[in-house]
Amino acid sequence: MRVRVTPRARVARIDGPREDGEGGVRLEVAVTEAPDGGRANAALVALLAREWRLPKSALAVLSGAAARHKTIGIAGDPATLMANLRGWSREHGWLAGE
């Protein structure tokens, strides 16, 4: 999952998918933690795990640990994960019904 993180936000939230200007899409996420010592990354993983109802151990920052643009790895059965993420996206109005 490609994400763009805004640290030091007033409220932790997921704003939804946005075009990234590189021909792709990233999930816009805001966390309240500062990027010092990996705190923002930990807050990002915790927020995504809570929203997606996954254990934090199933998520990892694969690239971009010190950048706003990150790639998050999600462990688990790919078909099950995609079905769950599609359902979650539909619930938030970010994915039309198929």
C-alpha atoms as a PDB file:
ATOM      1  CA  MET A   1       0.000   0.000   0.000  1.00  0.00           C
ATOM      2  CA  ARG A   2       1.424   3.376  -0.963  1.00  0.00           C
ATOM      3  CA  VAL A   3       0.713   6.168   1.517  1.00  0.00           C
ATOM      4  CA  ARG A   4       1.496   9.833   2.019  1.00  0.00           C
ATOM      5  CA  VAL A   5       1.774  10.750   5.689  1.00  0.00           C
ATOM      6  CA  THR A   6       1.320  14.147   7.298  1.00  0.00           C
ATOM      7  CA  PRO A   7       2.874  14.155  10.781  1.00  0.00           C
ATOM      8  CA  ARG A   8       1.930  16.529  13.616  1.00  0.00           C
ATOM      9  CA  ALA A   9      -1.694  16.774  12.514  1.00  0.00           C
ATOM     10  CA  ARG A  10      -4.387  17.907  14.956  1.00  0.00           C
ATOM     11  CA  VAL A  11      -6.306  14.667  14.462  1.00  0.00           C
ATOM     12  CA  ALA A  12      -5.201  11.238  13.255  1.00  0.00           C
ATOM     13  CA  ARG A  13      -7.256  10.378  10.195  1.00  0.00           C
ATOM     14  CA  ILE A  14      -7.306   8.698   6.820  1.00  0.00           C
ATOM     15  CA  ASP A  15      -8.331  11.174   4.152  1.00  0.00           C
ATOM     16  CA  GLY A  16      -8.606   8.673   1.317  1.00  0.00           C
ATOM     17  CA  PRO A  17      -6.846   7.925  -1.927  1.00  0.00           C
ATOM     18  CA  ARG A  18      -5.299  10.755  -3.950  1.00  0.00           C
ATOM     19  CA  GLU A  19      -3.401  10.891  -7.222  1.00  0.00           C
ATOM     20  CA  ASP A  20       0.256  11.318  -6.435  1.00  0.00           C
ATOM     21  CA  GLY A  21       1.424  13.186  -9.535  1.00  0.00           C
ATOM     22  CA  GLU A  22       3.584  10.215 -10.528  1.00  0.00           C
ATOM     23  CA  GLY A  23       0.819   8.337 -12.316  1.00  0.00           C
ATOM     24  CA  GLY A  24      -0.245   6.439  -9.213  1.00  0.00           C
ATOM     25  CA  VAL A  25      -2.467   6.733  -6.189  1.00  0.00           C
ATOM     26  CA  ARG A  26      -1.503   7.034  -2.536  1.00  0.00           C
ATOM     27  CA  LEU A  27      -3.617   6.821   0.584  1.00  0.00           C
ATOM     28  CA  GLU A  28      -3.497  10.190   2.394  1.00  0.00           C
ATOM     29  CA  VAL A  29      -3.007   9.700   6.136  1.00  0.00           C
ATOM     30  CA  ALA A  30      -2.461  12.181   8.968  1.00  0.00           C
ATOM     31  CA  VAL A  31      -0.991  11.262  12.349  1.00  0.00           C
ATOM     32  CA  THR A  32      -0.577  13.392  15.454  1.00  0.00           C
ATOM     33  CA  GLU A  33       2.933  12.179  16.265  1.00  0.00           C
ATOM     34  CA  ALA A  34       6.110  13.968  15.184  1.00  0.00           C
ATOM     35  CA  PRO A  35       8.470  12.122  12.830  1.00  0.00           C
ATOM     36  CA  ASP A  36      11.159  11.970  15.536  1.00  0.00           C
ATOM     37  CA  GLY A  37      12.541   8.534  16.325  1.00  0.00           C
ATOM     38  CA  GLY A  38      10.011   6.705  14.174  1.00  0.00           C
ATOM     39  CA  ARG A  39       7.048   7.862  16.260  1.00  0.00           C
ATOM     40  CA  ALA A  40       5.050   8.948  13.201  1.00  0.00           C
ATOM     41  CA  ASN A  41       5.690   5.579  11.518  1.00  0.00           C
ATOM     42  CA  ALA A  42       4.510   3.735  14.627  1.00  0.00           C
ATOM     43  CA  ALA A  43       1.390   5.936  14.763  1.00  0.00           C
ATOM     44  CA  LEU A  44       0.746   5.257  11.066  1.00  0.00           C
ATOM     45  CA  VAL A  45       0.977   1.489  11.553  1.00  0.00           C
ATOM     46  CA  ALA A  46      -1.273   1.669  14.636  1.00  0.00           C
ATOM     47  CA  LEU A  47      -3.899   3.766  12.814  1.00  0.00           C
ATOM     48  CA  LEU A  48      -3.969   1.512   9.750  1.00  0.00           C
ATOM     49  CA  ALA A  49      -4.086  -1.640  11.897  1.00  0.00           C
ATOM     50  CA  ARG A  50      -7.003  -0.267  13.906  1.00  0.00           C
ATOM     51  CA  GLU A  51      -8.936   0.850  10.812  1.00  0.00           C
ATOM     52  CA  TRP A  52      -8.319  -2.367   8.903  1.00  0.00           C
ATOM     53  CA  ARG A  53      -8.816  -4.590  11.964  1.00  0.00           C
ATOM     54  CA  LEU A  54      -5.399  -6.185  11.598  1.00  0.00           C
ATOM     55  CA  PRO A  55      -2.698  -6.814  14.173  1.00  0.00           C
ATOM     56  CA  LYS A  56       0.049  -4.179  14.102  1.00  0.00           C
ATOM     57  CA  SER A  57       2.506  -6.992  13.471  1.00  0.00           C
ATOM     58  CA  ALA A  58       0.853  -7.557  10.054  1.00  0.00           C
ATOM     59  CA  LEU A  59       1.969  -4.093   8.871  1.00  0.00           C
ATOM     60  CA  ALA A  60       5.466  -2.808   8.193  1.00  0.00           C
ATOM     61  CA  VAL A  61       7.004   0.280   6.602  1.00  0.00           C
ATOM     62  CA  LEU A  62       8.879  -1.239   3.650  1.00  0.00           C
ATOM     63  CA  SER A  63      10.251   1.967   2.184  1.00  0.00           C
ATOM     64  CA  GLY A  64      10.237   5.669   2.945  1.00  0.00           C
ATOM     65  CA  ALA A  65      10.767   5.383   6.700  1.00  0.00           C
ATOM     66  CA  ALA A  66      12.174   8.932   6.805  1.00  0.00           C
ATOM     67  CA  ALA A  67       9.937  10.368   4.058  1.00  0.00           C
ATOM     68  CA  ARG A  68       6.303  11.396   3.719  1.00  0.00           C
ATOM     69  CA  HIS A  69       5.779   8.934   0.864  1.00  0.00           C
ATOM     70  CA  LYS A  70       5.937   5.388   2.187  1.00  0.00           C
ATOM     71  CA  THR A  71       5.186   1.868   1.092  1.00  0.00           C
ATOM     72  CA  ILE A  72       3.423  -0.254   3.693  1.00  0.00           C
ATOM     73  CA  GLY A  73       3.618  -4.040   3.527  1.00  0.00           C
ATOM     74  CA  ILE A  74       0.606  -6.016   4.705  1.00  0.00           C
ATOM     75  CA  ALA A  75       1.077  -9.653   5.712  1.00  0.00           C
ATOM     76  CA  GLY A  76      -1.680 -12.154   5.123  1.00  0.00           C
ATOM     77  CA  ASP A  77      -3.602 -13.972   2.434  1.00  0.00           C
ATOM     78  CA  PRO A  78      -3.679 -11.592  -0.575  1.00  0.00           C
ATOM     79  CA  ALA A  79      -7.221 -12.483  -1.670  1.00  0.00           C
ATOM     80  CA  THR A  80      -8.611 -12.021   1.837  1.00  0.00           C
ATOM     81  CA  LEU A  81      -6.714  -8.770   2.351  1.00  0.00           C
ATOM     82  CA  MET A  82      -7.902  -7.326  -0.972  1.00  0.00           C
ATOM     83  CA  ALA A  83     -11.510  -8.252  -0.212  1.00  0.00           C
ATOM     84  CA  ASN A  84     -11.286  -6.644   3.234  1.00  0.00           C
ATOM     85  CA  LEU A  85      -9.588  -3.486   1.915  1.00  0.00           C
ATOM     86  CA  ARG A  86     -12.123  -3.152  -0.901  1.00  0.00           C
ATOM     87  CA  GLY A  87     -14.974  -3.471   1.599  1.00  0.00           C
ATOM     88  CA  TRP A  88     -13.322  -0.907   3.884  1.00  0.00           C
ATOM     89  CA  SER A  89     -12.856   1.476   0.923  1.00  0.00           C
ATOM     90  CA  ARG A  90     -16.502   1.085  -0.096  1.00  0.00           C
ATOM     91  CA  GLU A  91     -17.638   1.829   3.479  1.00  0.00           C
ATOM     92  CA  HIS A  92     -15.775   5.127   3.281  1.00  0.00           C
ATOM     93  CA  GLY A  93     -17.126   5.979  -0.175  1.00  0.00           C
ATOM     94  CA  TRP A  94     -13.732   5.663  -1.869  1.00  0.00           C
ATOM     95  CA  LEU A  95     -14.562   2.677  -4.057  1.00  0.00           C
ATOM     96  CA  ALA A  96     -17.710   2.260  -6.081  1.00  0.00           C
ATOM     97  CA  GLY A  97     -19.571  -1.037  -5.886  1.00  0.00           C
ATOM     98  CA  GLU A  98     -18.485  -3.688  -8.331  1.00  0.00           C
END
